[in-house]
PDB file of N, CA and C in Angstrom:
ATOM      1  N   UNK A   1     -89.175-203.941 -99.966  1.00  0.00           N
ATOM      2  CA  UNK A   1     -88.771-203.130 -98.590  1.00  0.00           C
ATOM      3  C   UNK A   1     -88.034-201.698 -99.022  1.00  0.00           C
ATOM      4  N   UNK A   2     -88.572-201.128 -98.217  1.00  0.00           N
ATOM      5  CA  UNK A   2     -88.034-199.376 -98.783  1.00  0.00           C
ATOM      6  C   UNK A   2     -86.675-199.314 -97.951  1.00  0.00           C
ATOM      7  N   UNK A   3     -85.534-198.276 -98.134  1.00  0.00           N
ATOM      8  CA  UNK A   3     -84.395-197.802 -97.926  1.00  0.00           C
ATOM      9  C   UNK A   3     -84.432-197.798 -96.313  1.00  0.00           C
ATOM     10  N   UNK A   4     -85.471-197.143 -95.730  1.00  0.00           N
ATOM     11  CA  UNK A   4     -85.329-197.167 -94.233  1.00  0.00           C
ATOM     12  C   UNK A   4     -85.625-198.498 -93.599  1.00  0.00           C
ATOM     13  N   UNK A   5     -86.596-199.182 -94.339  1.00  0.00           N
ATOM     14  CA  UNK A   5     -86.632-200.372 -93.735  1.00  0.00           C
ATOM     15  C   UNK A   5     -85.477-201.465 -93.825  1.00  0.00           C
ATOM     16  N   UNK A   6     -84.893-201.209 -95.112  1.00  0.00           N
ATOM     17  CA  UNK A   6     -83.737-202.193 -95.119  1.00  0.00           C
ATOM     18  C   UNK A   6     -82.380-201.630 -94.159  1.00  0.00           C
ATOM     19  N   UNK A   7     -82.497-200.378 -93.992  1.00  0.00           N
ATOM     20  CA  UNK A   7     -81.363-199.781 -92.916  1.00  0.00           C
ATOM     21  C   UNK A   7     -81.654-200.261 -91.573  1.00  0.00           C
ATOM     22  N   UNK A   8     -83.011-199.955 -91.126  1.00  0.00           N
ATOM     23  CA  UNK A   8     -83.333-200.519 -89.955  1.00  0.00           C
ATOM     24  C   UNK A   8     -83.173-201.881 -89.253  1.00  0.00           C
ATOM     25  N   UNK A   9     -83.416-202.729 -90.273  1.00  0.00           N
ATOM     26  CA  UNK A   9     -83.204-204.332 -90.327  1.00  0.00           C
ATOM     27  C   UNK A   9     -81.598-204.881 -90.579  1.00  0.00           C
ATOM     28  N   UNK A  10     -80.986-204.100 -90.850  1.00  0.00           N
ATOM     29  CA  UNK A  10     -79.266-204.173 -90.974  1.00  0.00           C
ATOM     30  C   UNK A  10     -78.855-204.737 -92.153  1.00  0.00           C
ATOM     31  N   UNK A  11     -79.843-204.430 -93.391  1.00  0.00           N
ATOM     32  CA  UNK A  11     -79.767-205.070 -94.537  1.00  0.00           C
ATOM     33  C   UNK A  11     -78.477-204.055 -95.535  1.00  0.00           C
ATOM     34  N   UNK A  12     -78.548-202.657 -94.851  1.00  0.00           N
ATOM     35  CA  UNK A  12     -77.703-201.710 -95.632  1.00  0.00           C
ATOM     36  C   UNK A  12     -76.350-201.309 -94.456  1.00  0.00           C
ATOM     37  N   UNK A  13     -75.421-201.336 -94.851  1.00  0.00           N
ATOM     38  CA  UNK A  13     -74.327-201.092 -93.954  1.00  0.00           C
ATOM     39  C   UNK A  13     -73.310-199.875 -94.659  1.00  0.00           C
ATOM     40  N   UNK A  14     -73.623-198.517 -94.533  1.00  0.00           N
ATOM     41  CA  UNK A  14     -73.242-197.626 -95.426  1.00  0.00           C
ATOM     42  C   UNK A  14     -71.970-197.446 -95.026  1.00  0.00           C
ATOM     43  N   UNK A  15     -71.125-197.896 -94.365  1.00  0.00           N
ATOM     44  CA  UNK A  15     -69.517-197.641 -93.876  1.00  0.00           C
ATOM     45  C   UNK A  15     -68.786-199.025 -94.387  1.00  0.00           C
ATOM     46  N   UNK A  16     -69.556-200.047 -94.813  1.00  0.00           N
ATOM     47  CA  UNK A  16     -69.112-200.949 -95.125  1.00  0.00           C
ATOM     48  C   UNK A  16     -68.614-200.990 -96.677  1.00  0.00           C
ATOM     49  N   UNK A  17     -67.498-200.568 -97.410  1.00  0.00           N
ATOM     50  CA  UNK A  17     -66.911-200.251 -98.477  1.00  0.00           C
ATOM     51  C   UNK A  17     -65.946-201.227 -99.021  1.00  0.00           C
ATOM     52  N   UNK A  18     -65.542-201.758-100.069  1.00  0.00           N
ATOM     53  CA  UNK A  18     -64.516-202.284-100.563  1.00  0.00           C
ATOM     54  C   UNK A  18     -63.536-201.357-101.424  1.00  0.00           C
ATOM     55  N   UNK A  19     -62.070-201.414-100.921  1.00  0.00           N
ATOM     56  CA  UNK A  19     -61.220-200.750-101.527  1.00  0.00           C
ATOM     57  C   UNK A  19     -60.924-201.179-103.301  1.00  0.00           C
ATOM     58  N   UNK A  20     -61.071-199.991-104.061  1.00  0.00           N
ATOM     59  CA  UNK A  20     -60.517-200.408-105.363  1.00  0.00           C
ATOM     60  C   UNK A  20     -59.175-201.023-105.506  1.00  0.00           C
ATOM     61  N   UNK A  21     -58.606-201.568-106.408  1.00  0.00           N
ATOM     62  CA  UNK A  21     -57.302-201.634-106.785  1.00  0.00           C
ATOM     63  C   UNK A  21     -56.746-200.557-107.565  1.00  0.00           C
ATOM     64  N   UNK A  22     -55.658-199.839-106.988  1.00  0.00           N
ATOM     65  CA  UNK A  22     -55.318-199.039-108.022  1.00  0.00           C
ATOM     66  C   UNK A  22     -55.586-197.995-107.903  1.00  0.00           C
ATOM     67  N   UNK A  23     -56.928-197.775-106.826  1.00  0.00           N
ATOM     68  CA  UNK A  23     -57.564-196.228-106.280  1.00  0.00           C
ATOM     69  C   UNK A  23     -56.278-195.545-105.444  1.00  0.00           C
ATOM     70  N   UNK A  24     -56.322-194.621-105.393  1.00  0.00           N
ATOM     71  CA  UNK A  24     -55.378-193.216-104.304  1.00  0.00           C
ATOM     72  C   UNK A  24     -55.288-194.098-103.115  1.00  0.00           C
ATOM     73  N   UNK A  25     -56.785-194.133-102.764  1.00  0.00           N
ATOM     74  CA  UNK A  25     -56.671-194.845-101.129  1.00  0.00           C
ATOM     75  C   UNK A  25     -55.616-196.345-101.043  1.00  0.00           C
ATOM     76  N   UNK A  26     -55.857-196.891-102.101  1.00  0.00           N
ATOM     77  CA  UNK A  26     -55.454-198.455-102.186  1.00  0.00           C
ATOM     78  C   UNK A  26     -53.728-198.152-102.074  1.00  0.00           C
ATOM     79  N   UNK A  27     -53.392-197.052-102.828  1.00  0.00           N
ATOM     80  CA  UNK A  27     -51.907-196.980-103.166  1.00  0.00           C
ATOM     81  C   UNK A  27     -51.344-196.363-101.786  1.00  0.00           C
ATOM     82  N   UNK A  28     -52.308-195.422-101.182  1.00  0.00           N
ATOM     83  CA  UNK A  28     -51.682-194.846 -99.771  1.00  0.00           C
ATOM     84  C   UNK A  28     -51.855-196.104 -98.368  1.00  0.00           C
ATOM     85  N   UNK A  29     -52.427-197.076 -98.474  1.00  0.00           N
ATOM     86  CA  UNK A  29     -52.719-198.074 -97.852  1.00  0.00           C
ATOM     87  C   UNK A  29     -51.496-198.767 -98.058  1.00  0.00           C
ATOM     88  N   UNK A  30     -51.241-199.231 -99.126  1.00  0.00           N
ATOM     89  CA  UNK A  30     -50.432-200.017 -99.639  1.00  0.00           C
ATOM     90  C   UNK A  30     -48.561-199.440 -99.235  1.00  0.00           C
ATOM     91  N   UNK A  31     -48.852-198.188 -99.127  1.00  0.00           N
ATOM     92  CA  UNK A  31     -47.549-197.291 -98.776  1.00  0.00           C
ATOM     93  C   UNK A  31     -47.317-197.509 -97.279  1.00  0.00           C
ATOM     94  N   UNK A  32     -48.769-197.101 -96.537  1.00  0.00           N
ATOM     95  CA  UNK A  32     -48.712-197.093 -95.104  1.00  0.00           C
ATOM     96  C   UNK A  32     -47.975-198.385 -94.554  1.00  0.00           C
ATOM     97  N   UNK A  33     -48.472-199.654 -95.226  1.00  0.00           N
ATOM     98  CA  UNK A  33     -48.286-201.025 -94.750  1.00  0.00           C
ATOM     99  C   UNK A  33     -46.721-201.218 -94.765  1.00  0.00           C
ATOM    100  N   UNK A  34     -46.351-200.939 -96.001  1.00  0.00           N
ATOM    101  CA  UNK A  34     -44.865-201.082 -96.252  1.00  0.00           C
ATOM    102  C   UNK A  34     -44.086-200.397 -95.135  1.00  0.00           C
ATOM    103  N   UNK A  35     -44.456-199.294 -95.029  1.00  0.00           N
ATOM    104  CA  UNK A  35     -43.697-198.356 -94.208  1.00  0.00           C
ATOM    105  C   UNK A  35     -43.709-198.543 -92.534  1.00  0.00           C
ATOM    106  N   UNK A  36     -44.951-199.119 -92.601  1.00  0.00           N
ATOM    107  CA  UNK A  36     -44.936-199.752 -90.962  1.00  0.00           C
ATOM    108  C   UNK A  36     -43.782-200.676 -90.947  1.00  0.00           C
ATOM    109  N   UNK A  37     -44.152-201.915 -91.605  1.00  0.00           N
ATOM    110  CA  UNK A  37     -43.039-203.012 -91.888  1.00  0.00           C
ATOM    111  C   UNK A  37     -41.767-202.829 -91.869  1.00  0.00           C
ATOM    112  N   UNK A  38     -40.922-201.333 -92.241  1.00  0.00           N
ATOM    113  CA  UNK A  38     -40.138-201.526 -92.034  1.00  0.00           C
ATOM    114  C   UNK A  38     -39.663-200.614 -90.812  1.00  0.00           C
ATOM    115  N   UNK A  39     -40.645-199.889 -90.098  1.00  0.00           N
ATOM    116  CA  UNK A  39     -40.406-199.299 -89.007  1.00  0.00           C
ATOM    117  C   UNK A  39     -40.549-200.384 -87.734  1.00  0.00           C
ATOM    118  N   UNK A  40     -41.118-201.370 -87.961  1.00  0.00           N
ATOM    119  CA  UNK A  40     -41.403-201.976 -86.619  1.00  0.00           C
ATOM    120  C   UNK A  40     -40.034-202.669 -86.058  1.00  0.00           C
ATOM    121  N   UNK A  41     -39.658-203.390 -86.853  1.00  0.00           N
ATOM    122  CA  UNK A  41     -38.299-203.996 -86.456  1.00  0.00           C
ATOM    123  C   UNK A  41     -37.449-203.004 -85.821  1.00  0.00           C
ATOM    124  N   UNK A  42     -37.451-201.501 -85.867  1.00  0.00           N
ATOM    125  CA  UNK A  42     -36.394-200.474 -85.430  1.00  0.00           C
ATOM    126  C   UNK A  42     -36.931-200.069 -84.143  1.00  0.00           C
ATOM    127  N   UNK A  43     -37.798-200.565 -84.188  1.00  0.00           N
ATOM    128  CA  UNK A  43     -38.839-200.263 -82.526  1.00  0.00           C
ATOM    129  C   UNK A  43     -38.352-201.039 -81.417  1.00  0.00           C
ATOM    130  N   UNK A  44     -38.207-200.470 -79.958  1.00  0.00           N
ATOM    131  CA  UNK A  44     -37.992-201.233 -78.986  1.00  0.00           C
ATOM    132  C   UNK A  44     -39.423-201.732 -78.627  1.00  0.00           C
ATOM    133  N   UNK A  45     -39.974-202.664 -77.283  1.00  0.00           N
ATOM    134  CA  UNK A  45     -40.917-203.113 -77.237  1.00  0.00           C
ATOM    135  C   UNK A  45     -41.982-202.145 -76.644  1.00  0.00           C
ATOM    136  N   UNK A  46     -41.216-201.234 -76.152  1.00  0.00           N
ATOM    137  CA  UNK A  46     -42.021-200.247 -75.429  1.00  0.00           C
ATOM    138  C   UNK A  46     -42.453-199.078 -76.330  1.00  0.00           C
ATOM    139  N   UNK A  47     -42.069-198.752 -77.518  1.00  0.00           N
ATOM    140  CA  UNK A  47     -42.150-197.921 -78.874  1.00  0.00           C
ATOM    141  C   UNK A  47     -42.911-199.187 -79.538  1.00  0.00           C
ATOM    142  N   UNK A  48     -42.999-200.638 -79.399  1.00  0.00           N
ATOM    143  CA  UNK A  48     -43.970-200.665 -80.226  1.00  0.00           C
ATOM    144  C   UNK A  48     -45.641-200.642 -79.652  1.00  0.00           C
ATOM    145  N   UNK A  49     -45.446-200.854 -78.424  1.00  0.00           N
ATOM    146  CA  UNK A  49     -46.529-200.827 -77.546  1.00  0.00           C
ATOM    147  C   UNK A  49     -47.623-199.370 -77.697  1.00  0.00           C
ATOM    148  N   UNK A  50     -46.474-198.333 -77.810  1.00  0.00           N
ATOM    149  CA  UNK A  50     -46.617-196.875 -77.963  1.00  0.00           C
ATOM    150  C   UNK A  50     -47.481-196.600 -79.480  1.00  0.00           C
ATOM    151  N   UNK A  51     -46.947-197.497 -80.381  1.00  0.00           N
ATOM    152  CA  UNK A  51     -47.311-197.310 -81.698  1.00  0.00           C
ATOM    153  C   UNK A  51     -48.634-197.904 -82.015  1.00  0.00           C
ATOM    154  N   UNK A  52     -48.852-198.790 -80.977  1.00  0.00           N
ATOM    155  CA  UNK A  52     -50.207-199.823 -81.527  1.00  0.00           C
ATOM    156  C   UNK A  52     -51.112-198.633 -80.814  1.00  0.00           C
ATOM    157  N   UNK A  53     -51.045-198.008 -79.997  1.00  0.00           N
ATOM    158  CA  UNK A  53     -52.126-197.556 -78.870  1.00  0.00           C
ATOM    159  C   UNK A  53     -52.106-196.195 -79.948  1.00  0.00           C
ATOM    160  N   UNK A  54     -51.189-195.634 -80.780  1.00  0.00           N
ATOM    161  CA  UNK A  54     -51.469-194.569 -81.644  1.00  0.00           C
ATOM    162  C   UNK A  54     -52.163-194.685 -82.532  1.00  0.00           C
ATOM    163  N   UNK A  55     -51.921-196.102 -83.348  1.00  0.00           N
ATOM    164  CA  UNK A  55     -52.611-196.528 -84.496  1.00  0.00           C
ATOM    165  C   UNK A  55     -54.045-196.616 -83.981  1.00  0.00           C
ATOM    166  N   UNK A  56     -54.253-197.429 -82.971  1.00  0.00           N
ATOM    167  CA  UNK A  56     -55.903-197.501 -82.400  1.00  0.00           C
ATOM    168  C   UNK A  56     -56.438-196.123 -82.292  1.00  0.00           C
ATOM    169  N   UNK A  57     -55.854-194.845 -81.612  1.00  0.00           N
ATOM    170  CA  UNK A  57     -56.240-193.877 -81.278  1.00  0.00           C
ATOM    171  C   UNK A  57     -56.625-193.164 -82.997  1.00  0.00           C
ATOM    172  N   UNK A  58     -55.463-193.254 -83.685  1.00  0.00           N
ATOM    173  CA  UNK A  58     -55.989-192.982 -85.292  1.00  0.00           C
ATOM    174  C   UNK A  58     -57.156-193.316 -85.958  1.00  0.00           C
ATOM    175  N   UNK A  59     -57.316-194.694 -85.571  1.00  0.00           N
ATOM    176  CA  UNK A  59     -58.226-195.354 -85.854  1.00  0.00           C
ATOM    177  C   UNK A  59     -59.718-194.957 -85.977  1.00  0.00           C
ATOM    178  N   UNK A  60     -59.796-194.798 -84.402  1.00  0.00           N
ATOM    179  CA  UNK A  60     -60.963-194.481 -83.886  1.00  0.00           C
ATOM    180  C   UNK A  60     -61.449-193.061 -84.419  1.00  0.00           C
ATOM    181  N   UNK A  61     -60.502-191.981 -84.252  1.00  0.00           N
ATOM    182  CA  UNK A  61     -60.929-191.027 -84.504  1.00  0.00           C
ATOM    183  C   UNK A  61     -61.075-190.889 -85.961  1.00  0.00           C
ATOM    184  N   UNK A  62     -60.662-191.636 -87.322  1.00  0.00           N
ATOM    185  CA  UNK A  62     -61.439-191.514 -88.604  1.00  0.00           C
ATOM    186  C   UNK A  62     -62.512-192.205 -88.565  1.00  0.00           C
ATOM    187  N   UNK A  63     -62.609-193.291 -87.526  1.00  0.00           N
ATOM    188  CA  UNK A  63     -64.215-193.461 -87.507  1.00  0.00           C
ATOM    189  C   UNK A  63     -65.348-192.593 -87.422  1.00  0.00           C
ATOM    190  N   UNK A  64     -64.981-192.040 -85.948  1.00  0.00           N
ATOM    191  CA  UNK A  64     -65.747-190.943 -85.473  1.00  0.00           C
ATOM    192  C   UNK A  64     -65.802-189.746 -86.968  1.00  0.00           C
ATOM    193  N   UNK A  65     -64.839-189.422 -87.415  1.00  0.00           N
ATOM    194  CA  UNK A  65     -64.837-188.261 -88.586  1.00  0.00           C
ATOM    195  C   UNK A  65     -65.691-188.759 -89.531  1.00  0.00           C
ATOM    196  N   UNK A  66     -65.611-190.086 -90.123  1.00  0.00           N
ATOM    197  CA  UNK A  66     -66.758-190.685 -91.565  1.00  0.00           C
ATOM    198  C   UNK A  66     -67.860-190.678 -90.650  1.00  0.00           C
ATOM    199  N   UNK A  67     -68.227-190.951 -89.524  1.00  0.00           N
ATOM    200  CA  UNK A  67     -69.569-190.957 -88.971  1.00  0.00           C
ATOM    201  C   UNK A  67     -70.247-189.325 -89.030  1.00  0.00           C
ATOM    202  N   UNK A  68     -69.504-188.711 -88.496  1.00  0.00           N
ATOM    203  CA  UNK A  68     -69.812-187.479 -88.338  1.00  0.00           C
ATOM    204  C   UNK A  68     -70.266-186.608 -89.920  1.00  0.00           C
ATOM    205  N   UNK A  69     -69.200-187.235 -91.079  1.00  0.00           N
ATOM    206  CA  UNK A  69     -69.272-186.507 -92.098  1.00  0.00           C
ATOM    207  C   UNK A  69     -70.596-186.911 -92.506  1.00  0.00           C
ATOM    208  N   UNK A  70     -70.833-188.384 -92.661  1.00  0.00           N
ATOM    209  CA  UNK A  70     -72.228-189.524 -93.042  1.00  0.00           C
ATOM    210  C   UNK A  70     -73.275-188.416 -92.781  1.00  0.00           C
ATOM    211  N   UNK A  71     -73.493-188.258 -91.044  1.00  0.00           N
ATOM    212  CA  UNK A  71     -74.684-187.888 -90.541  1.00  0.00           C
ATOM    213  C   UNK A  71     -74.862-186.234 -91.044  1.00  0.00           C
ATOM    214  N   UNK A  72     -73.492-185.688 -91.095  1.00  0.00           N
ATOM    215  CA  UNK A  72     -73.700-184.038 -91.642  1.00  0.00           C
ATOM    216  C   UNK A  72     -74.245-184.154 -93.146  1.00  0.00           C
ATOM    217  N   UNK A  73     -73.898-185.006 -93.912  1.00  0.00           N
ATOM    218  CA  UNK A  73     -74.095-185.083 -94.998  1.00  0.00           C
ATOM    219  C   UNK A  73     -75.705-185.403 -95.779  1.00  0.00           C
ATOM    220  N   UNK A  74     -76.394-186.588 -94.395  1.00  0.00           N
ATOM    221  CA  UNK A  74     -77.615-186.727 -94.499  1.00  0.00           C
ATOM    222  C   UNK A  74     -78.592-185.527 -93.791  1.00  0.00           C
ATOM    223  N   UNK A  75     -77.752-184.953 -92.974  1.00  0.00           N
ATOM    224  CA  UNK A  75     -78.528-183.555 -92.638  1.00  0.00           C
ATOM    225  C   UNK A  75     -78.835-182.487 -94.031  1.00  0.00           C
ATOM    226  N   UNK A  76     -77.776-182.214 -94.456  1.00  0.00           N
ATOM    227  CA  UNK A  76     -77.641-181.330 -95.255  1.00  0.00           C
ATOM    228  C   UNK A  76     -78.427-181.546 -96.884  1.00  0.00           C
ATOM    229  N   UNK A  77     -78.499-182.964 -96.862  1.00  0.00           N
ATOM    230  CA  UNK A  77     -79.959-182.982 -98.003  1.00  0.00           C
ATOM    231  C   UNK A  77     -80.733-183.289 -97.725  1.00  0.00           C
ATOM    232  N   UNK A  78     -81.455-183.185 -96.155  1.00  0.00           N
ATOM    233  CA  UNK A  78     -82.772-183.090 -95.696  1.00  0.00           C
ATOM    234  C   UNK A  78     -83.187-181.943 -95.628  1.00  0.00           C
ATOM    235  N   UNK A  79     -82.194-180.865 -95.300  1.00  0.00           N
ATOM    236  CA  UNK A  79     -82.527-179.391 -95.658  1.00  0.00           C
ATOM    237  C   UNK A  79     -82.978-179.209 -96.766  1.00  0.00           C
ATOM    238  N   UNK A  80     -81.872-179.676 -97.642  1.00  0.00           N
ATOM    239  CA  UNK A  80     -82.399-178.968 -99.049  1.00  0.00           C
ATOM    240  C   UNK A  80     -83.737-180.084 -99.435  1.00  0.00           C
ATOM    241  N   UNK A  81     -84.378-180.969 -99.263  1.00  0.00           N
ATOM    242  CA  UNK A  81     -85.655-181.437 -99.572  1.00  0.00           C
ATOM    243  C   UNK A  81     -86.525-180.398 -98.787  1.00  0.00           C
ATOM    244  N   UNK A  82     -86.156-180.450 -97.795  1.00  0.00           N
ATOM    245  CA  UNK A  82     -87.132-179.367 -96.383  1.00  0.00           C
ATOM    246  C   UNK A  82     -87.353-178.010 -97.260  1.00  0.00           C
ATOM    247  N   UNK A  83     -86.089-177.527 -97.935  1.00  0.00           N
ATOM    248  CA  UNK A  83     -86.506-176.102 -98.745  1.00  0.00           C
ATOM    249  C   UNK A  83     -87.165-176.372 -99.694  1.00  0.00           C
ATOM    250  N   UNK A  84     -87.338-177.283-100.367  1.00  0.00           N
ATOM    251  CA  UNK A  84     -87.590-177.334-101.821  1.00  0.00           C
ATOM    252  C   UNK A  84     -88.953-177.608-101.723  1.00  0.00           C
ATOM    253  N   UNK A  85     -89.451-177.809-100.392  1.00  0.00           N
ATOM    254  CA  UNK A  85     -90.918-178.227-100.243  1.00  0.00           C
ATOM    255  C   UNK A  85     -91.537-177.017 -99.483  1.00  0.00           C
ATOM    256  N   UNK A  86     -90.490-176.346 -98.438  1.00  0.00           N
ATOM    257  CA  UNK A  86     -91.444-175.106 -97.584  1.00  0.00           C
ATOM    258  C   UNK A  86     -91.314-173.721 -98.062  1.00  0.00           C
ATOM    259  N   UNK A  87     -90.263-174.101 -98.669  1.00  0.00           N
ATOM    260  CA  UNK A  87     -89.971-172.181 -98.923  1.00  0.00           C
ATOM    261  C   UNK A  87     -90.664-172.133-100.541  1.00  0.00           C
ATOM    262  N   UNK A  88     -91.736-171.268-100.551  1.00  0.00           N
ATOM    263  CA  UNK A  88     -92.411-170.596-101.907  1.00  0.00           C
ATOM    264  C   UNK A  88     -91.614-169.420-101.875  1.00  0.00           C
ATOM    265  N   UNK A  89     -91.411-169.114-103.728  1.00  0.00           N
ATOM    266  CA  UNK A  89     -90.479-168.061-104.285  1.00  0.00           C
ATOM    267  C   UNK A  89     -91.182-166.855-103.847  1.00  0.00           C
ATOM    268  N   UNK A  90     -90.762-165.764-103.782  1.00  0.00           N
ATOM    269  CA  UNK A  90     -91.156-164.487-103.158  1.00  0.00           C
ATOM    270  C   UNK A  90     -91.807-163.526-104.680  1.00  0.00           C
ATOM    271  N   UNK A  91     -91.472-164.335-105.797  1.00  0.00           N
ATOM    272  CA  UNK A  91     -91.613-163.780-107.301  1.00  0.00           C
ATOM    273  C   UNK A  91     -92.668-164.381-108.252  1.00  0.00           C
ATOM    274  N   UNK A  92     -92.513-165.575-107.903  1.00  0.00           N
ATOM    275  CA  UNK A  92     -93.146-166.684-108.856  1.00  0.00           C
ATOM    276  C   UNK A  92     -94.352-167.674-108.317  1.00  0.00           C
ATOM    277  N   UNK A  93     -95.236-167.951-108.784  1.00  0.00           N
ATOM    278  CA  UNK A  93     -96.072-169.568-108.271  1.00  0.00           C
ATOM    279  C   UNK A  93     -95.508-170.567-108.942  1.00  0.00           C
ATOM    280  N   UNK A  94     -95.876-171.723-108.184  1.00  0.00           N
ATOM    281  CA  UNK A  94     -95.560-172.942-108.718  1.00  0.00           C
ATOM    282  C   UNK A  94     -96.506-173.458-109.617  1.00  0.00           C
ATOM    283  N   UNK A  95     -95.842-174.174-110.758  1.00  0.00           N
ATOM    284  CA  UNK A  95     -96.752-174.794-111.776  1.00  0.00           C
ATOM    285  C   UNK A  95     -97.388-176.022-111.736  1.00  0.00           C
TER     286      UNK A  95
END
């Protein structure tokens, strides 16, 4: 089965990634969780609701950014491939 077929049938999940222990991302995630655990007890009920809404918005924005970066990366790769096949050199012939 081709990569495109696997993508079509849902066998490939480009956004599904495991986090490596000890990585920069893992360390920042752990720090974020620890700080949230310290912050939450200091907030009122209304502030906790606002904070949850804020976190949901940030999560959604990150998802949009990741999707856009993926799409732009694919587009750039396709442009590079197209230029490789479509643009002839002004000075040399192909071997």
